[in-house]
Amino acid sequence: MTDKTQEKLEAKIARLEQYLVKLKAELEKTRLQGQHEAIDHIDQYLHEDDNLISDLEEFWEGLVSDMREFFDRRNKRS
């Protein structure tokens, strides 16, 4: 192998190594972005879950109040 051929190969390897570093960085960025999106979805799900629980608590309180009134009126009639 001539010196010129070796230099060309070394230059090509250096370019490929730089490109590989760039691709690895891009992959890491994509991976982190995916994790952040997953965390956002979890936060959104938990927020929706909190809202559902809150709605259920309000419904239950209203139901209990209505049932007490119903039975109080019924007991007063008896």
PDB file of N, CA and C in Angstrom:
ATOM      1  N   MET A   1       0.854  -1.166   0.000  1.00  0.00           N
ATOM      2  CA  MET A   1       0.000   0.000   0.000  1.00  0.00           C
ATOM      3  C   MET A   1       0.903   1.233   0.000  1.00  0.00           C
ATOM      4  N   THR A   2       0.599   2.142  -0.880  1.00  0.00           N
ATOM      5  CA  THR A   2       1.411   3.360  -0.965  1.00  0.00           C
ATOM      6  C   THR A   2       1.011   4.333   0.143  1.00  0.00           C
ATOM      7  N   ASP A   3       1.920   5.275   0.383  1.00  0.00           N
ATOM      8  CA  ASP A   3       1.652   6.278   1.423  1.00  0.00           C
ATOM      9  C   ASP A   3       0.401   7.087   1.082  1.00  0.00           C
ATOM     10  N   LYS A   4       0.239   7.397  -0.202  1.00  0.00           N
ATOM     11  CA  LYS A   4      -0.915   8.191  -0.622  1.00  0.00           C
ATOM     12  C   LYS A   4      -2.216   7.416  -0.405  1.00  0.00           C
ATOM     13  N   THR A   5      -2.222   6.137  -0.723  1.00  0.00           N
ATOM     14  CA  THR A   5      -3.405   5.299  -0.519  1.00  0.00           C
ATOM     15  C   THR A   5      -3.719   5.186   0.967  1.00  0.00           C
ATOM     16  N   GLN A   6      -2.692   5.022   1.780  1.00  0.00           N
ATOM     17  CA  GLN A   6      -2.880   4.913   3.221  1.00  0.00           C
ATOM     18  C   GLN A   6      -3.444   6.216   3.793  1.00  0.00           C
ATOM     19  N   GLU A   7      -2.926   7.341   3.316  1.00  0.00           N
ATOM     20  CA  GLU A   7      -3.416   8.640   3.775  1.00  0.00           C
ATOM     21  C   GLU A   7      -4.891   8.827   3.411  1.00  0.00           C
ATOM     22  N   LYS A   8      -5.251   8.403   2.195  1.00  0.00           N
ATOM     23  CA  LYS A   8      -6.649   8.505   1.771  1.00  0.00           C
ATOM     24  C   LYS A   8      -7.542   7.650   2.663  1.00  0.00           C
ATOM     25  N   LEU A   9      -7.085   6.449   2.952  1.00  0.00           N
ATOM     26  CA  LEU A   9      -7.871   5.568   3.816  1.00  0.00           C
ATOM     27  C   LEU A   9      -8.000   6.136   5.225  1.00  0.00           C
ATOM     28  N   GLU A  10      -6.920   6.676   5.746  1.00  0.00           N
ATOM     29  CA  GLU A  10      -6.955   7.263   7.084  1.00  0.00           C
ATOM     30  C   GLU A  10      -7.889   8.473   7.124  1.00  0.00           C
ATOM     31  N   ALA A  11      -7.864   9.280   6.062  1.00  0.00           N
ATOM     32  CA  ALA A  11      -8.752  10.437   5.985  1.00  0.00           C
ATOM     33  C   ALA A  11     -10.208   9.979   5.902  1.00  0.00           C
ATOM     34  N   LYS A  12     -10.445   8.939   5.127  1.00  0.00           N
ATOM     35  CA  LYS A  12     -11.797   8.405   4.996  1.00  0.00           C
ATOM     36  C   LYS A  12     -12.273   7.844   6.338  1.00  0.00           C
ATOM     37  N   ILE A  13     -11.416   7.136   7.036  1.00  0.00           N
ATOM     38  CA  ILE A  13     -11.751   6.586   8.354  1.00  0.00           C
ATOM     39  C   ILE A  13     -12.053   7.722   9.326  1.00  0.00           C
ATOM     40  N   ALA A  14     -11.264   8.783   9.291  1.00  0.00           N
ATOM     41  CA  ALA A  14     -11.487   9.920  10.185  1.00  0.00           C
ATOM     42  C   ALA A  14     -12.856  10.558   9.912  1.00  0.00           C
ATOM     43  N   ARG A  15     -13.197  10.721   8.620  1.00  0.00           N
ATOM     44  CA  ARG A  15     -14.506  11.277   8.273  1.00  0.00           C
ATOM     45  C   ARG A  15     -15.636  10.364   8.745  1.00  0.00           C
ATOM     46  N   LEU A  16     -15.447   9.078   8.555  1.00  0.00           N
ATOM     47  CA  LEU A  16     -16.473   8.130   8.985  1.00  0.00           C
ATOM     48  C   LEU A  16     -16.619   8.114  10.510  1.00  0.00           C
ATOM     49  N   GLU A  17     -15.505   8.231  11.203  1.00  0.00           N
ATOM     50  CA  GLU A  17     -15.562   8.279  12.669  1.00  0.00           C
ATOM     51  C   GLU A  17     -16.307   9.532  13.136  1.00  0.00           C
ATOM     52  N   GLN A  18     -16.039  10.669  12.491  1.00  0.00           N
ATOM     53  CA  GLN A  18     -16.746  11.907  12.842  1.00  0.00           C
ATOM     54  C   GLN A  18     -18.236  11.770  12.566  1.00  0.00           C
ATOM     55  N   TYR A  19     -18.554  11.149  11.443  1.00  0.00           N
ATOM     56  CA  TYR A  19     -19.955  10.937  11.087  1.00  0.00           C
ATOM     57  C   TYR A  19     -20.626  10.010  12.105  1.00  0.00           C
ATOM     58  N   LEU A  20     -19.897   8.987  12.529  1.00  0.00           N
ATOM     59  CA  LEU A  20     -20.424   8.049  13.521  1.00  0.00           C
ATOM     60  C   LEU A  20     -20.688   8.755  14.852  1.00  0.00           C
ATOM     61  N   VAL A  21     -19.792   9.626  15.258  1.00  0.00           N
ATOM     62  CA  VAL A  21     -19.991  10.401  16.493  1.00  0.00           C
ATOM     63  C   VAL A  21     -21.255  11.258  16.362  1.00  0.00           C
ATOM     64  N   LYS A  22     -21.423  11.885  15.190  1.00  0.00           N
ATOM     65  CA  LYS A  22     -22.601  12.710  14.948  1.00  0.00           C
ATOM     66  C   LYS A  22     -23.871  11.865  15.005  1.00  0.00           C
ATOM     67  N   LEU A  23     -23.850  10.689  14.387  1.00  0.00           N
ATOM     68  CA  LEU A  23     -25.010   9.803  14.410  1.00  0.00           C
ATOM     69  C   LEU A  23     -25.337   9.326  15.826  1.00  0.00           C
ATOM     70  N   LYS A  24     -24.313   9.016  16.609  1.00  0.00           N
ATOM     71  CA  LYS A  24     -24.531   8.585  17.991  1.00  0.00           C
ATOM     72  C   LYS A  24     -25.164   9.705  18.813  1.00  0.00           C
ATOM     73  N   ALA A  25     -24.709  10.937  18.598  1.00  0.00           N
ATOM     74  CA  ALA A  25     -25.276  12.084  19.309  1.00  0.00           C
ATOM     75  C   ALA A  25     -26.742  12.284  18.910  1.00  0.00           C
ATOM     76  N   GLU A  26     -27.033  12.126  17.634  1.00  0.00           N
ATOM     77  CA  GLU A  26     -28.403  12.258  17.151  1.00  0.00           C
ATOM     78  C   GLU A  26     -29.293  11.167  17.740  1.00  0.00           C
ATOM     79  N   LEU A  27     -28.770   9.959  17.810  1.00  0.00           N
ATOM     80  CA  LEU A  27     -29.503   8.847  18.403  1.00  0.00           C
ATOM     81  C   LEU A  27     -29.795   9.118  19.876  1.00  0.00           C
ATOM     82  N   GLU A  28     -28.820   9.602  20.605  1.00  0.00           N
ATOM     83  CA  GLU A  28     -29.000   9.922  22.024  1.00  0.00           C
ATOM     84  C   GLU A  28     -30.048  11.022  22.193  1.00  0.00           C
ATOM     85  N   LYS A  29     -30.004  12.025  21.334  1.00  0.00           N
ATOM     86  CA  LYS A  29     -30.978  13.111  21.398  1.00  0.00           C
ATOM     87  C   LYS A  29     -32.388  12.568  21.156  1.00  0.00           C
ATOM     88  N   THR A  30     -32.525  11.697  20.176  1.00  0.00           N
ATOM     89  CA  THR A  30     -33.816  11.090  19.865  1.00  0.00           C
ATOM     90  C   THR A  30     -34.303  10.236  21.026  1.00  0.00           C
ATOM     91  N   ARG A  31     -33.402   9.490  21.638  1.00  0.00           N
ATOM     92  CA  ARG A  31     -33.756   8.638  22.773  1.00  0.00           C
ATOM     93  C   ARG A  31     -34.242   9.486  23.945  1.00  0.00           C
ATOM     94  N   LEU A  32     -33.526  10.558  24.237  1.00  0.00           N
ATOM     95  CA  LEU A  32     -33.916  11.443  25.341  1.00  0.00           C
ATOM     96  C   LEU A  32     -35.252  12.127  25.055  1.00  0.00           C
ATOM     97  N   GLN A  33     -35.452  12.521  23.815  1.00  0.00           N
ATOM     98  CA  GLN A  33     -36.710  13.151  23.436  1.00  0.00           C
ATOM     99  C   GLN A  33     -37.865  12.167  23.629  1.00  0.00           C
ATOM    100  N   GLY A  34     -37.641  10.914  23.262  1.00  0.00           N
ATOM    101  CA  GLY A  34     -38.653   9.882  23.458  1.00  0.00           C
ATOM    102  C   GLY A  34     -38.978   9.690  24.930  1.00  0.00           C
ATOM    103  N   GLN A  35     -37.948   9.736  25.774  1.00  0.00           N
ATOM    104  CA  GLN A  35     -38.171   9.608  27.208  1.00  0.00           C
ATOM    105  C   GLN A  35     -38.979  10.786  27.737  1.00  0.00           C
ATOM    106  N   HIS A  36     -38.649  11.997  27.273  1.00  0.00           N
ATOM    107  CA  HIS A  36     -39.387  13.178  27.721  1.00  0.00           C
ATOM    108  C   HIS A  36     -40.852  13.104  27.287  1.00  0.00           C
ATOM    109  N   GLU A  37     -41.084  12.628  26.071  1.00  0.00           N
ATOM    110  CA  GLU A  37     -42.459  12.481  25.592  1.00  0.00           C
ATOM    111  C   GLU A  37     -43.204  11.449  26.434  1.00  0.00           C
ATOM    112  N   ALA A  38     -42.531  10.353  26.781  1.00  0.00           N
ATOM    113  CA  ALA A  38     -43.161   9.334  27.616  1.00  0.00           C
ATOM    114  C   ALA A  38     -43.504   9.897  28.990  1.00  0.00           C
ATOM    115  N   ILE A  39     -42.604  10.696  29.551  1.00  0.00           N
ATOM    116  CA  ILE A  39     -42.857  11.320  30.855  1.00  0.00           C
ATOM    117  C   ILE A  39     -44.038  12.278  30.745  1.00  0.00           C
ATOM    118  N   ASP A  40     -44.097  13.042  29.653  1.00  0.00           N
ATOM    119  CA  ASP A  40     -45.223  13.955  29.456  1.00  0.00           C
ATOM    120  C   ASP A  40     -46.540  13.187  29.391  1.00  0.00           C
ATOM    121  N   HIS A  41     -46.530  12.037  28.708  1.00  0.00           N
ATOM    122  CA  HIS A  41     -47.741  11.224  28.622  1.00  0.00           C
ATOM    123  C   HIS A  41     -48.135  10.690  29.998  1.00  0.00           C
ATOM    124  N   ILE A  42     -47.158  10.304  30.785  1.00  0.00           N
ATOM    125  CA  ILE A  42     -47.445   9.822  32.140  1.00  0.00           C
ATOM    126  C   ILE A  42     -48.034  10.956  32.974  1.00  0.00           C
ATOM    127  N   ASP A  43     -47.439  12.139  32.894  1.00  0.00           N
ATOM    128  CA  ASP A  43     -47.970  13.296  33.618  1.00  0.00           C
ATOM    129  C   ASP A  43     -49.408  13.590  33.197  1.00  0.00           C
ATOM    130  N   GLN A  44     -49.656  13.525  31.903  1.00  0.00           N
ATOM    131  CA  GLN A  44     -50.998  13.786  31.388  1.00  0.00           C
ATOM    132  C   GLN A  44     -51.968  12.726  31.911  1.00  0.00           C
ATOM    133  N   TYR A  45     -51.562  11.470  31.888  1.00  0.00           N
ATOM    134  CA  TYR A  45     -52.412  10.392  32.375  1.00  0.00           C
ATOM    135  C   TYR A  45     -52.708  10.573  33.858  1.00  0.00           C
ATOM    136  N   LEU A  46     -51.693  10.902  34.648  1.00  0.00           N
ATOM    137  CA  LEU A  46     -51.888  11.102  36.082  1.00  0.00           C
ATOM    138  C   LEU A  46     -52.815  12.287  36.346  1.00  0.00           C
ATOM    139  N   HIS A  47     -52.667  13.341  35.552  1.00  0.00           N
ATOM    140  CA  HIS A  47     -53.534  14.504  35.711  1.00  0.00           C
ATOM    141  C   HIS A  47     -54.985  14.119  35.412  1.00  0.00           C
ATOM    142  N   GLU A  48     -55.190  13.359  34.341  1.00  0.00           N
ATOM    143  CA  GLU A  48     -56.534  12.904  33.995  1.00  0.00           C
ATOM    144  C   GLU A  48     -57.080  12.006  35.102  1.00  0.00           C
ATOM    145  N   ASP A  49     -56.225  11.141  35.648  1.00  0.00           N
ATOM    146  CA  ASP A  49     -56.621  10.244  36.732  1.00  0.00           C
ATOM    147  C   ASP A  49     -57.028  11.054  37.959  1.00  0.00           C
ATOM    148  N   ASP A  50     -56.258  12.101  38.279  1.00  0.00           N
ATOM    149  CA  ASP A  50     -56.608  12.973  39.404  1.00  0.00           C
ATOM    150  C   ASP A  50     -57.971  13.625  39.180  1.00  0.00           C
ATOM    151  N   ASN A  51     -58.223  14.063  37.953  1.00  0.00           N
ATOM    152  CA  ASN A  51     -59.511  14.675  37.639  1.00  0.00           C
ATOM    153  C   ASN A  51     -60.654  13.674  37.791  1.00  0.00           C
ATOM    154  N   LEU A  52     -60.431  12.446  37.341  1.00  0.00           N
ATOM    155  CA  LEU A  52     -61.466  11.421  37.469  1.00  0.00           C
ATOM    156  C   LEU A  52     -61.753  11.123  38.932  1.00  0.00           C
ATOM    157  N   ILE A  53     -60.722  11.030  39.729  1.00  0.00           N
ATOM    158  CA  ILE A  53     -60.897  10.769  41.159  1.00  0.00           C
ATOM    159  C   ILE A  53     -61.637  11.928  41.810  1.00  0.00           C
ATOM    160  N   SER A  54     -61.268  13.139  41.460  1.00  0.00           N
ATOM    161  CA  SER A  54     -61.945  14.312  41.999  1.00  0.00           C
ATOM    162  C   SER A  54     -63.422  14.313  41.615  1.00  0.00           C
ATOM    163  N   ASP A  55     -63.701  14.002  40.355  1.00  0.00           N
ATOM    164  CA  ASP A  55     -65.098  13.933  39.903  1.00  0.00           C
ATOM    165  C   ASP A  55     -65.861  12.848  40.648  1.00  0.00           C
ATOM    166  N   LEU A  56     -65.229  11.717  40.849  1.00  0.00           N
ATOM    167  CA  LEU A  56     -65.865  10.617  41.571  1.00  0.00           C
ATOM    168  C   LEU A  56     -66.143  11.004  43.026  1.00  0.00           C
ATOM    169  N   GLU A  57     -65.198  11.695  43.656  1.00  0.00           N
ATOM    170  CA  GLU A  57     -65.407  12.144  45.037  1.00  0.00           C
ATOM    171  C   GLU A  57     -66.580  13.115  45.112  1.00  0.00           C
ATOM    172  N   GLU A  58     -66.652  14.053  44.163  1.00  0.00           N
ATOM    173  CA  GLU A  58     -67.764  15.000  44.150  1.00  0.00           C
ATOM    174  C   GLU A  58     -69.087  14.273  43.936  1.00  0.00           C
ATOM    175  N   PHE A  59     -69.107  13.328  43.019  1.00  0.00           N
ATOM    176  CA  PHE A  59     -70.316  12.547  42.751  1.00  0.00           C
ATOM    177  C   PHE A  59     -70.730  11.781  44.004  1.00  0.00           C
ATOM    178  N   TRP A  60     -69.762  11.144  44.645  1.00  0.00           N
ATOM    179  CA  TRP A  60     -70.053  10.345  45.834  1.00  0.00           C
ATOM    180  C   TRP A  60     -70.606  11.216  46.957  1.00  0.00           C
ATOM    181  N   GLU A  61     -69.996  12.387  47.175  1.00  0.00           N
ATOM    182  CA  GLU A  61     -70.487  13.304  48.210  1.00  0.00           C
ATOM    183  C   GLU A  61     -71.924  13.731  47.921  1.00  0.00           C
ATOM    184  N   GLY A  62     -72.208  14.034  46.677  1.00  0.00           N
ATOM    185  CA  GLY A  62     -73.571  14.414  46.297  1.00  0.00           C
ATOM    186  C   GLY A  62     -74.542  13.266  46.483  1.00  0.00           C
ATOM    187  N   LEU A  63     -74.126  12.064  46.118  1.00  0.00           N
ATOM    188  CA  LEU A  63     -74.974  10.883  46.263  1.00  0.00           C
ATOM    189  C   LEU A  63     -75.279  10.614  47.731  1.00  0.00           C
ATOM    190  N   VAL A  64     -74.252  10.683  48.566  1.00  0.00           N
ATOM    191  CA  VAL A  64     -74.445  10.452  50.004  1.00  0.00           C
ATOM    192  C   VAL A  64     -75.392  11.505  50.572  1.00  0.00           C
ATOM    193  N   SER A  65     -75.213  12.753  50.198  1.00  0.00           N
ATOM    194  CA  SER A  65     -76.081  13.830  50.672  1.00  0.00           C
ATOM    195  C   SER A  65     -77.516  13.599  50.228  1.00  0.00           C
ATOM    196  N   ASP A  66     -77.703  13.250  48.951  1.00  0.00           N
ATOM    197  CA  ASP A  66     -79.054  12.992  48.445  1.00  0.00           C
ATOM    198  C   ASP A  66     -79.699  11.799  49.148  1.00  0.00           C
ATOM    199  N   MET A  67     -78.940  10.751  49.393  1.00  0.00           N
ATOM    200  CA  MET A  67     -79.470   9.565  50.078  1.00  0.00           C
ATOM    201  C   MET A  67     -79.869   9.902  51.509  1.00  0.00           C
ATOM    202  N   ARG A  68     -79.074  10.703  52.207  1.00  0.00           N
ATOM    203  CA  ARG A  68     -79.406  11.109  53.577  1.00  0.00           C
ATOM    204  C   ARG A  68     -80.714  11.901  53.592  1.00  0.00           C
ATOM    205  N   GLU A  69     -80.825  12.839  52.656  1.00  0.00           N
ATOM    206  CA  GLU A  69     -82.058  13.633  52.572  1.00  0.00           C
ATOM    207  C   GLU A  69     -83.258  12.736  52.289  1.00  0.00           C
ATOM    208  N   PHE A  70     -83.088  11.803  51.370  1.00  0.00           N
ATOM    209  CA  PHE A  70     -84.170  10.892  51.013  1.00  0.00           C
ATOM    210  C   PHE A  70     -84.614  10.084  52.227  1.00  0.00           C
ATOM    211  N   PHE A  71     -83.663   9.499  52.936  1.00  0.00           N
ATOM    212  CA  PHE A  71     -84.022   8.664  54.079  1.00  0.00           C
ATOM    213  C   PHE A  71     -84.514   9.498  55.262  1.00  0.00           C
ATOM    214  N   ASP A  72     -83.995  10.725  55.414  1.00  0.00           N
ATOM    215  CA  ASP A  72     -84.497  11.600  56.474  1.00  0.00           C
ATOM    216  C   ASP A  72     -85.966  11.950  56.225  1.00  0.00           C
ATOM    217  N   ARG A  73     -86.302  12.287  54.981  1.00  0.00           N
ATOM    218  CA  ARG A  73     -87.696  12.594  54.634  1.00  0.00           C
ATOM    219  C   ARG A  73     -88.585  11.370  54.816  1.00  0.00           C
ATOM    220  N   ARG A  74     -88.058  10.234  54.439  1.00  0.00           N
ATOM    221  CA  ARG A  74     -88.821   8.973  54.550  1.00  0.00           C
ATOM    222  C   ARG A  74     -89.075   8.644  56.027  1.00  0.00           C
ATOM    223  N   ASN A  75     -88.043   8.853  56.849  1.00  0.00           N
ATOM    224  CA  ASN A  75     -88.197   8.551  58.283  1.00  0.00           C
ATOM    225  C   ASN A  75     -89.153   9.541  58.939  1.00  0.00           C
ATOM    226  N   LYS A  76     -89.178  10.782  58.481  1.00  0.00           N
ATOM    227  CA  LYS A  76     -90.078  11.785  59.054  1.00  0.00           C
ATOM    228  C   LYS A  76     -91.537  11.462  58.717  1.00  0.00           C
ATOM    229  N   ARG A  77     -91.783  10.865  57.567  1.00  0.00           N
ATOM    230  CA  ARG A  77     -93.131  10.494  57.165  1.00  0.00           C
ATOM    231  C   ARG A  77     -93.643   9.307  57.976  1.00  0.00           C
ATOM    232  N   SER A  78     -92.711   8.457  58.413  1.00  0.00           N
ATOM    233  CA  SER A  78     -93.128   7.234  59.129  1.00  0.00           C
ATOM    234  C   SER A  78     -93.513   7.484  60.547  1.00  0.00           C
TER     235      SER A  78
END
